[in-house]
Amino acid sequence: MQNKTFLRIVALISGISGIVILVGVIYPIVSYNTIYASKYTSLISPVTETVNQVQGAITDTVNGNTTDYTQASTWFAGGATRDAFSGSKVDYYTLSIPKLKIKDAIVAIGGEDLTHHVIQYPGTALPGKRGNAVLFGHSILPIFYNPSNYLAIFSLLPTLKPGDEINVNYDGISYVYNVETMFEVLPTDIQVLDQDSSDSFLTLVTCVPPGDPRNPKRLIVRARVVPPR
């Protein structure tokens, strides 16, 4: 009798744990679409056929072709090729976002491995220069957010608001940017990578909804440099 009672308790605990885990996975995706996505121009792209988790990297398999989204060159269709990302000498600077507790994250100029760095898109302006510095960062389920983990570093990017501060230290000089606009685009909308020489801009890009392995959209956070006082 005691064994049956014990087994029932174990089964009940296992069932509740399963529900909690399921809610923990689904809720962040649903909440993003209901809380954050409504603030942006939402564009829906076709859903991929098969989604796999491979050695911690999100991949899509469509018609036998596998795409690894921890590689920055896969994020925009028709954008820079893998050679463009890896062809230049790798250099580094740092990025901090106080609101998200991101401090001195390493940004790589050249290379495309998002598991070890934030990546600057090839051909975009350097920080502090006129133009648009475009940075890619990975995101996962917000419940696993860790500002020191590059696979999770941009998971809370949707919580930023206009006026929030972004700090960049490049070549020994510190720059402060303020968020101006936030919006969503499809992976085919590569015009967000265009340059604007009217000022110094910083654009942060991540896949959304965070934690959705299909990542059908790209969140764009556009910031402008604050002139030195």
C-alpha atoms as a PDB file:
ATOM      1  CA  MET A   1       0.000   0.000   0.000  1.00  0.00           C
ATOM      2  CA  GLN A   2       2.831   2.357   0.931  1.00  0.00           C
ATOM      3  CA  ASN A   3       4.616   1.533  -2.335  1.00  0.00           C
ATOM      4  CA  LYS A   4       1.496   2.438  -4.357  1.00  0.00           C
ATOM      5  CA  THR A   5       1.140   5.726  -2.495  1.00  0.00           C
ATOM      6  CA  PHE A   6       4.808   6.510  -3.079  1.00  0.00           C
ATOM      7  CA  LEU A   7       4.508   5.724  -6.801  1.00  0.00           C
ATOM      8  CA  ARG A   8       1.425   7.944  -7.064  1.00  0.00           C
ATOM      9  CA  ILE A   9       3.297  10.827  -5.419  1.00  0.00           C
ATOM     10  CA  VAL A  10       6.274  10.329  -7.757  1.00  0.00           C
ATOM     11  CA  ALA A  11       3.962  10.243 -10.781  1.00  0.00           C
ATOM     12  CA  LEU A  12       2.182  13.396  -9.599  1.00  0.00           C
ATOM     13  CA  ILE A  13       5.498  15.231  -9.078  1.00  0.00           C
ATOM     14  CA  SER A  14       6.754  14.085 -12.492  1.00  0.00           C
ATOM     15  CA  GLY A  15       3.539  15.253 -14.150  1.00  0.00           C
ATOM     16  CA  ILE A  16       3.684  18.673 -12.500  1.00  0.00           C
ATOM     17  CA  SER A  17       7.385  19.008 -13.399  1.00  0.00           C
ATOM     18  CA  GLY A  18       6.602  18.190 -17.030  1.00  0.00           C
ATOM     19  CA  ILE A  19       3.895  20.846 -17.150  1.00  0.00           C
ATOM     20  CA  VAL A  20       6.211  23.447 -15.584  1.00  0.00           C
ATOM     21  CA  ILE A  21       8.945  22.688 -18.122  1.00  0.00           C
ATOM     22  CA  LEU A  22       6.469  22.844 -21.010  1.00  0.00           C
ATOM     23  CA  VAL A  23       5.084  26.182 -19.836  1.00  0.00           C
ATOM     24  CA  GLY A  24       8.623  27.478 -19.357  1.00  0.00           C
ATOM     25  CA  VAL A  25       9.404  26.732 -23.010  1.00  0.00           C
ATOM     26  CA  ILE A  26       6.146  27.901 -24.597  1.00  0.00           C
ATOM     27  CA  TYR A  27       5.322  30.949 -22.452  1.00  0.00           C
ATOM     28  CA  PRO A  28       8.354  33.105 -23.443  1.00  0.00           C
ATOM     29  CA  ILE A  29       7.540  32.659 -27.132  1.00  0.00           C
ATOM     30  CA  VAL A  30       3.831  33.418 -26.654  1.00  0.00           C
ATOM     31  CA  SER A  31       4.558  36.365 -24.363  1.00  0.00           C
ATOM     32  CA  TYR A  32       6.992  37.858 -26.885  1.00  0.00           C
ATOM     33  CA  ASN A  33       4.306  37.803 -29.570  1.00  0.00           C
ATOM     34  CA  THR A  34       1.676  39.317 -27.269  1.00  0.00           C
ATOM     35  CA  ILE A  35       3.798  41.836 -25.330  1.00  0.00           C
ATOM     36  CA  TYR A  36       6.695  42.905 -27.542  1.00  0.00           C
ATOM     37  CA  ALA A  37       5.965  42.042 -31.162  1.00  0.00           C
ATOM     38  CA  SER A  38       2.855  44.242 -31.174  1.00  0.00           C
ATOM     39  CA  LYS A  39       5.147  47.260 -30.730  1.00  0.00           C
ATOM     40  CA  TYR A  40       6.985  46.579 -33.969  1.00  0.00           C
ATOM     41  CA  THR A  41       6.055  46.099 -37.607  1.00  0.00           C
ATOM     42  CA  SER A  42       5.493  42.348 -37.582  1.00  0.00           C
ATOM     43  CA  LEU A  43       6.274  40.429 -40.743  1.00  0.00           C
ATOM     44  CA  ILE A  44       5.708  36.699 -40.918  1.00  0.00           C
ATOM     45  CA  SER A  45       8.033  34.496 -42.952  1.00  0.00           C
ATOM     46  CA  PRO A  46       7.322  30.904 -44.052  1.00  0.00           C
ATOM     47  CA  VAL A  47       7.794  28.270 -41.363  1.00  0.00           C
ATOM     48  CA  THR A  48      10.648  25.860 -41.980  1.00  0.00           C
ATOM     49  CA  GLU A  49       9.925  22.183 -42.301  1.00  0.00           C
ATOM     50  CA  THR A  50      12.233  20.575 -39.758  1.00  0.00           C
ATOM     51  CA  VAL A  51      13.997  22.021 -36.742  1.00  0.00           C
ATOM     52  CA  ASN A  52      16.844  20.317 -34.904  1.00  0.00           C
ATOM     53  CA  GLN A  53      19.054  21.028 -31.905  1.00  0.00           C
ATOM     54  CA  VAL A  54      22.589  20.032 -32.834  1.00  0.00           C
ATOM     55  CA  GLN A  55      25.402  20.325 -30.247  1.00  0.00           C
ATOM     56  CA  GLY A  56      23.788  23.440 -28.772  1.00  0.00           C
ATOM     57  CA  ALA A  57      23.425  25.137 -32.166  1.00  0.00           C
ATOM     58  CA  ILE A  58      20.043  25.929 -33.682  1.00  0.00           C
ATOM     59  CA  THR A  59      19.722  24.520 -37.182  1.00  0.00           C
ATOM     60  CA  ASP A  60      16.992  24.299 -39.807  1.00  0.00           C
ATOM     61  CA  THR A  61      16.775  21.489 -42.315  1.00  0.00           C
ATOM     62  CA  VAL A  62      14.788  22.300 -45.450  1.00  0.00           C
ATOM     63  CA  ASN A  63      14.895  20.124 -48.554  1.00  0.00           C
ATOM     64  CA  GLY A  64      17.979  18.395 -47.182  1.00  0.00           C
ATOM     65  CA  ASN A  65      19.925  21.630 -46.615  1.00  0.00           C
ATOM     66  CA  THR A  66      20.980  22.412 -43.051  1.00  0.00           C
ATOM     67  CA  THR A  67      21.411  25.992 -41.817  1.00  0.00           C
ATOM     68  CA  ASP A  68      23.331  26.725 -38.607  1.00  0.00           C
ATOM     69  CA  TYR A  69      22.083  29.942 -37.003  1.00  0.00           C
ATOM     70  CA  THR A  70      25.136  30.266 -34.764  1.00  0.00           C
ATOM     71  CA  GLN A  71      26.921  31.359 -37.963  1.00  0.00           C
ATOM     72  CA  ALA A  72      26.236  35.023 -38.698  1.00  0.00           C
ATOM     73  CA  SER A  73      26.325  34.626 -42.482  1.00  0.00           C
ATOM     74  CA  THR A  74      23.037  32.653 -42.373  1.00  0.00           C
ATOM     75  CA  TRP A  75      20.924  35.405 -40.808  1.00  0.00           C
ATOM     76  CA  PHE A  76      20.008  37.442 -43.881  1.00  0.00           C
ATOM     77  CA  ALA A  77      19.188  35.878 -47.243  1.00  0.00           C
ATOM     78  CA  GLY A  78      21.130  37.546 -50.009  1.00  0.00           C
ATOM     79  CA  GLY A  79      23.450  39.325 -47.560  1.00  0.00           C
ATOM     80  CA  ALA A  80      27.174  38.899 -47.055  1.00  0.00           C
ATOM     81  CA  THR A  81      28.619  35.469 -47.820  1.00  0.00           C
ATOM     82  CA  ARG A  82      30.657  33.350 -45.411  1.00  0.00           C
ATOM     83  CA  ASP A  83      33.831  34.480 -47.178  1.00  0.00           C
ATOM     84  CA  ALA A  84      32.957  38.115 -46.452  1.00  0.00           C
ATOM     85  CA  PHE A  85      32.652  37.338 -42.736  1.00  0.00           C
ATOM     86  CA  SER A  86      35.826  35.325 -42.441  1.00  0.00           C
ATOM     87  CA  GLY A  87      37.963  36.977 -45.102  1.00  0.00           C
ATOM     88  CA  SER A  88      39.133  39.929 -43.027  1.00  0.00           C
ATOM     89  CA  LYS A  89      41.575  39.944 -40.148  1.00  0.00           C
ATOM     90  CA  VAL A  90      39.706  39.513 -36.869  1.00  0.00           C
ATOM     91  CA  ASP A  91      39.831  42.538 -34.568  1.00  0.00           C
ATOM     92  CA  TYR A  92      37.904  43.186 -31.381  1.00  0.00           C
ATOM     93  CA  TYR A  93      36.182  45.834 -29.271  1.00  0.00           C
ATOM     94  CA  THR A  94      33.694  45.733 -26.404  1.00  0.00           C
ATOM     95  CA  LEU A  95      29.964  46.340 -25.966  1.00  0.00           C
ATOM     96  CA  SER A  96      28.051  47.065 -22.746  1.00  0.00           C
ATOM     97  CA  ILE A  97      24.297  47.447 -22.209  1.00  0.00           C
ATOM     98  CA  PRO A  98      23.681  48.434 -18.567  1.00  0.00           C
ATOM     99  CA  LYS A  99      19.948  47.675 -18.613  1.00  0.00           C
ATOM    100  CA  LEU A 100      20.640  44.078 -19.691  1.00  0.00           C
ATOM    101  CA  LYS A 101      23.691  43.724 -17.404  1.00  0.00           C
ATOM    102  CA  ILE A 102      25.897  43.109 -20.423  1.00  0.00           C
ATOM    103  CA  LYS A 103      29.387  44.333 -19.536  1.00  0.00           C
ATOM    104  CA  ASP A 104      32.358  44.415 -21.907  1.00  0.00           C
ATOM    105  CA  ALA A 105      31.024  41.769 -24.281  1.00  0.00           C
ATOM    106  CA  ILE A 106      33.541  41.064 -27.034  1.00  0.00           C
ATOM    107  CA  VAL A 107      32.578  42.147 -30.547  1.00  0.00           C
ATOM    108  CA  ALA A 108      34.543  40.503 -33.357  1.00  0.00           C
ATOM    109  CA  ILE A 109      35.242  42.329 -36.606  1.00  0.00           C
ATOM    110  CA  GLY A 110      35.720  39.414 -38.929  1.00  0.00           C
ATOM    111  CA  GLY A 111      34.737  35.824 -38.186  1.00  0.00           C
ATOM    112  CA  GLU A 112      31.138  34.690 -37.813  1.00  0.00           C
ATOM    113  CA  ASP A 113      30.950  32.320 -34.849  1.00  0.00           C
ATOM    114  CA  LEU A 114      28.210  33.707 -32.599  1.00  0.00           C
ATOM    115  CA  THR A 115      28.959  31.162 -29.850  1.00  0.00           C
ATOM    116  CA  HIS A 116      32.093  33.066 -28.807  1.00  0.00           C
ATOM    117  CA  HIS A 117      31.429  36.716 -29.703  1.00  0.00           C
ATOM    118  CA  VAL A 118      28.988  39.310 -30.857  1.00  0.00           C
ATOM    119  CA  ILE A 119      29.738  39.743 -34.575  1.00  0.00           C
ATOM    120  CA  GLN A 120      30.015  42.992 -36.553  1.00  0.00           C
ATOM    121  CA  TYR A 121      28.502  42.636 -40.016  1.00  0.00           C
ATOM    122  CA  PRO A 122      31.134  42.945 -42.791  1.00  0.00           C
ATOM    123  CA  GLY A 123      31.392  46.317 -44.525  1.00  0.00           C
ATOM    124  CA  THR A 124      29.464  48.262 -41.881  1.00  0.00           C
ATOM    125  CA  ALA A 125      30.920  51.360 -40.218  1.00  0.00           C
ATOM    126  CA  LEU A 126      33.230  51.165 -37.228  1.00  0.00           C
ATOM    127  CA  PRO A 127      31.964  52.589 -33.917  1.00  0.00           C
ATOM    128  CA  GLY A 128      32.231  56.367 -33.664  1.00  0.00           C
ATOM    129  CA  LYS A 129      32.490  56.771 -37.441  1.00  0.00           C
ATOM    130  CA  ARG A 130      29.746  58.106 -39.674  1.00  0.00           C
ATOM    131  CA  GLY A 131      27.637  55.227 -40.857  1.00  0.00           C
ATOM    132  CA  ASN A 132      25.902  52.228 -39.349  1.00  0.00           C
ATOM    133  CA  ALA A 133      27.763  49.635 -37.252  1.00  0.00           C
ATOM    134  CA  VAL A 134      25.629  46.472 -37.380  1.00  0.00           C
ATOM    135  CA  LEU A 135      26.119  43.870 -34.638  1.00  0.00           C
ATOM    136  CA  PHE A 136      24.652  40.350 -34.521  1.00  0.00           C
ATOM    137  CA  GLY A 137      24.068  38.537 -31.233  1.00  0.00           C
ATOM    138  CA  HIS A 138      22.449  35.178 -30.476  1.00  0.00           C
ATOM    139  CA  SER A 139      19.319  34.641 -28.356  1.00  0.00           C
ATOM    140  CA  ILE A 140      17.696  31.677 -26.612  1.00  0.00           C
ATOM    141  CA  LEU A 141      14.806  31.220 -24.163  1.00  0.00           C
ATOM    142  CA  PRO A 142      14.829  34.256 -21.826  1.00  0.00           C
ATOM    143  CA  ILE A 143      14.621  31.987 -18.751  1.00  0.00           C
ATOM    144  CA  PHE A 144      18.160  30.855 -19.599  1.00  0.00           C
ATOM    145  CA  TYR A 145      19.445  34.403 -20.073  1.00  0.00           C
ATOM    146  CA  ASN A 146      23.062  34.890 -19.116  1.00  0.00           C
ATOM    147  CA  PRO A 147      24.752  38.139 -20.173  1.00  0.00           C
ATOM    148  CA  SER A 148      28.114  36.346 -20.140  1.00  0.00           C
ATOM    149  CA  ASN A 149      26.994  33.546 -22.471  1.00  0.00           C
ATOM    150  CA  TYR A 150      27.214  34.529 -26.144  1.00  0.00           C
ATOM    151  CA  LEU A 151      24.526  32.013 -27.104  1.00  0.00           C
ATOM    152  CA  ALA A 152      22.116  33.905 -24.823  1.00  0.00           C
ATOM    153  CA  ILE A 153      23.528  37.432 -24.847  1.00  0.00           C
ATOM    154  CA  PHE A 154      20.758  39.176 -26.865  1.00  0.00           C
ATOM    155  CA  SER A 155      17.820  37.175 -25.424  1.00  0.00           C
ATOM    156  CA  LEU A 156      16.460  40.239 -23.565  1.00  0.00           C
ATOM    157  CA  LEU A 157      17.023  42.692 -26.414  1.00  0.00           C
ATOM    158  CA  PRO A 158      13.208  43.064 -26.865  1.00  0.00           C
ATOM    159  CA  THR A 159      12.982  44.629 -23.392  1.00  0.00           C
ATOM    160  CA  LEU A 160      15.008  47.669 -24.447  1.00  0.00           C
ATOM    161  CA  LYS A 161      13.202  50.967 -24.998  1.00  0.00           C
ATOM    162  CA  PRO A 162      13.981  54.225 -26.787  1.00  0.00           C
ATOM    163  CA  GLY A 163      16.401  56.220 -24.673  1.00  0.00           C
ATOM    164  CA  ASP A 164      18.180  53.204 -23.193  1.00  0.00           C
ATOM    165  CA  GLU A 165      21.961  53.440 -23.216  1.00  0.00           C
ATOM    166  CA  ILE A 166      24.457  51.294 -25.111  1.00  0.00           C
ATOM    167  CA  ASN A 167      28.187  51.715 -24.512  1.00  0.00           C
ATOM    168  CA  VAL A 168      30.979  50.811 -26.929  1.00  0.00           C
ATOM    169  CA  ASN A 169      34.707  50.957 -26.294  1.00  0.00           C
ATOM    170  CA  TYR A 170      36.614  50.923 -29.571  1.00  0.00           C
ATOM    171  CA  ASP A 171      40.331  51.554 -29.976  1.00  0.00           C
ATOM    172  CA  GLY A 172      40.582  53.049 -26.493  1.00  0.00           C
ATOM    173  CA  ILE A 173      37.701  55.491 -27.012  1.00  0.00           C
ATOM    174  CA  SER A 174      34.319  55.138 -25.277  1.00  0.00           C
ATOM    175  CA  TYR A 175      31.119  55.937 -27.168  1.00  0.00           C
ATOM    176  CA  VAL A 176      27.605  56.233 -25.762  1.00  0.00           C
ATOM    177  CA  TYR A 177      24.615  55.437 -27.986  1.00  0.00           C
ATOM    178  CA  ASN A 178      20.945  55.936 -27.156  1.00  0.00           C
ATOM    179  CA  VAL A 179      18.279  53.598 -28.553  1.00  0.00           C
ATOM    180  CA  GLU A 180      16.014  55.455 -31.016  1.00  0.00           C
ATOM    181  CA  THR A 181      13.870  52.844 -32.779  1.00  0.00           C
ATOM    182  CA  MET A 182      13.040  49.133 -32.628  1.00  0.00           C
ATOM    183  CA  PHE A 183      11.335  47.098 -35.338  1.00  0.00           C
ATOM    184  CA  GLU A 184      11.151  43.652 -36.929  1.00  0.00           C
ATOM    185  CA  VAL A 185      12.112  42.557 -40.423  1.00  0.00           C
ATOM    186  CA  LEU A 186      12.224  39.353 -42.418  1.00  0.00           C
ATOM    187  CA  PRO A 187      15.571  37.654 -43.148  1.00  0.00           C
ATOM    188  CA  THR A 188      15.208  38.900 -46.738  1.00  0.00           C
ATOM    189  CA  ASP A 189      15.042  42.591 -45.718  1.00  0.00           C
ATOM    190  CA  ILE A 190      18.744  43.351 -46.008  1.00  0.00           C
ATOM    191  CA  GLN A 191      18.153  47.098 -46.427  1.00  0.00           C
ATOM    192  CA  VAL A 192      18.494  47.374 -42.631  1.00  0.00           C
ATOM    193  CA  LEU A 193      22.203  46.786 -43.212  1.00  0.00           C
ATOM    194  CA  ASP A 194      22.519  49.895 -45.382  1.00  0.00           C
ATOM    195  CA  GLN A 195      24.779  52.763 -44.346  1.00  0.00           C
ATOM    196  CA  ASP A 196      23.603  56.234 -43.265  1.00  0.00           C
ATOM    197  CA  SER A 197      26.387  58.806 -43.274  1.00  0.00           C
ATOM    198  CA  SER A 198      24.297  61.520 -41.581  1.00  0.00           C
ATOM    199  CA  ASP A 199      25.599  60.413 -38.148  1.00  0.00           C
ATOM    200  CA  SER A 200      27.146  57.498 -36.235  1.00  0.00           C
ATOM    201  CA  PHE A 201      24.592  54.722 -35.720  1.00  0.00           C
ATOM    202  CA  LEU A 202      24.682  51.355 -33.955  1.00  0.00           C
ATOM    203  CA  THR A 203      22.289  48.573 -34.966  1.00  0.00           C
ATOM    204  CA  LEU A 204      21.810  45.451 -32.837  1.00  0.00           C
ATOM    205  CA  VAL A 205      20.252  42.414 -34.522  1.00  0.00           C
ATOM    206  CA  THR A 206      18.938  39.161 -33.075  1.00  0.00           C
ATOM    207  CA  CYS A 207      16.506  36.419 -34.068  1.00  0.00           C
ATOM    208  CA  VAL A 208      12.988  36.596 -32.596  1.00  0.00           C
ATOM    209  CA  PRO A 209      10.958  35.329 -30.888  1.00  0.00           C
ATOM    210  CA  PRO A 210      13.809  34.358 -28.519  1.00  0.00           C
ATOM    211  CA  GLY A 211      13.743  30.619 -27.936  1.00  0.00           C
ATOM    212  CA  ASP A 212      11.704  29.849 -31.054  1.00  0.00           C
ATOM    213  CA  PRO A 213      13.982  27.527 -33.087  1.00  0.00           C
ATOM    214  CA  ARG A 214      12.349  28.711 -36.312  1.00  0.00           C
ATOM    215  CA  ASN A 215      13.351  32.340 -35.549  1.00  0.00           C
ATOM    216  CA  PRO A 216      11.135  33.650 -38.366  1.00  0.00           C
ATOM    217  CA  LYS A 217      12.005  37.342 -37.836  1.00  0.00           C
ATOM    218  CA  ARG A 218      14.913  39.627 -36.992  1.00  0.00           C
ATOM    219  CA  LEU A 219      14.628  42.276 -34.291  1.00  0.00           C
ATOM    220  CA  ILE A 220      16.407  45.522 -35.156  1.00  0.00           C
ATOM    221  CA  VAL A 221      17.473  47.922 -32.385  1.00  0.00           C
ATOM    222  CA  ARG A 222      18.765  51.175 -33.893  1.00  0.00           C
ATOM    223  CA  ALA A 223      20.760  53.595 -31.706  1.00  0.00           C
ATOM    224  CA  ARG A 224      22.481  56.937 -32.388  1.00  0.00           C
ATOM    225  CA  VAL A 225      25.724  58.182 -30.845  1.00  0.00           C
ATOM    226  CA  VAL A 226      25.468  60.795 -28.101  1.00  0.00           C
ATOM    227  CA  PRO A 227      27.710  63.778 -28.949  1.00  0.00           C
ATOM    228  CA  PRO A 228      30.500  64.314 -26.403  1.00  0.00           C
ATOM    229  CA  ARG A 229      29.834  67.146 -23.964  1.00  0.00           C
END
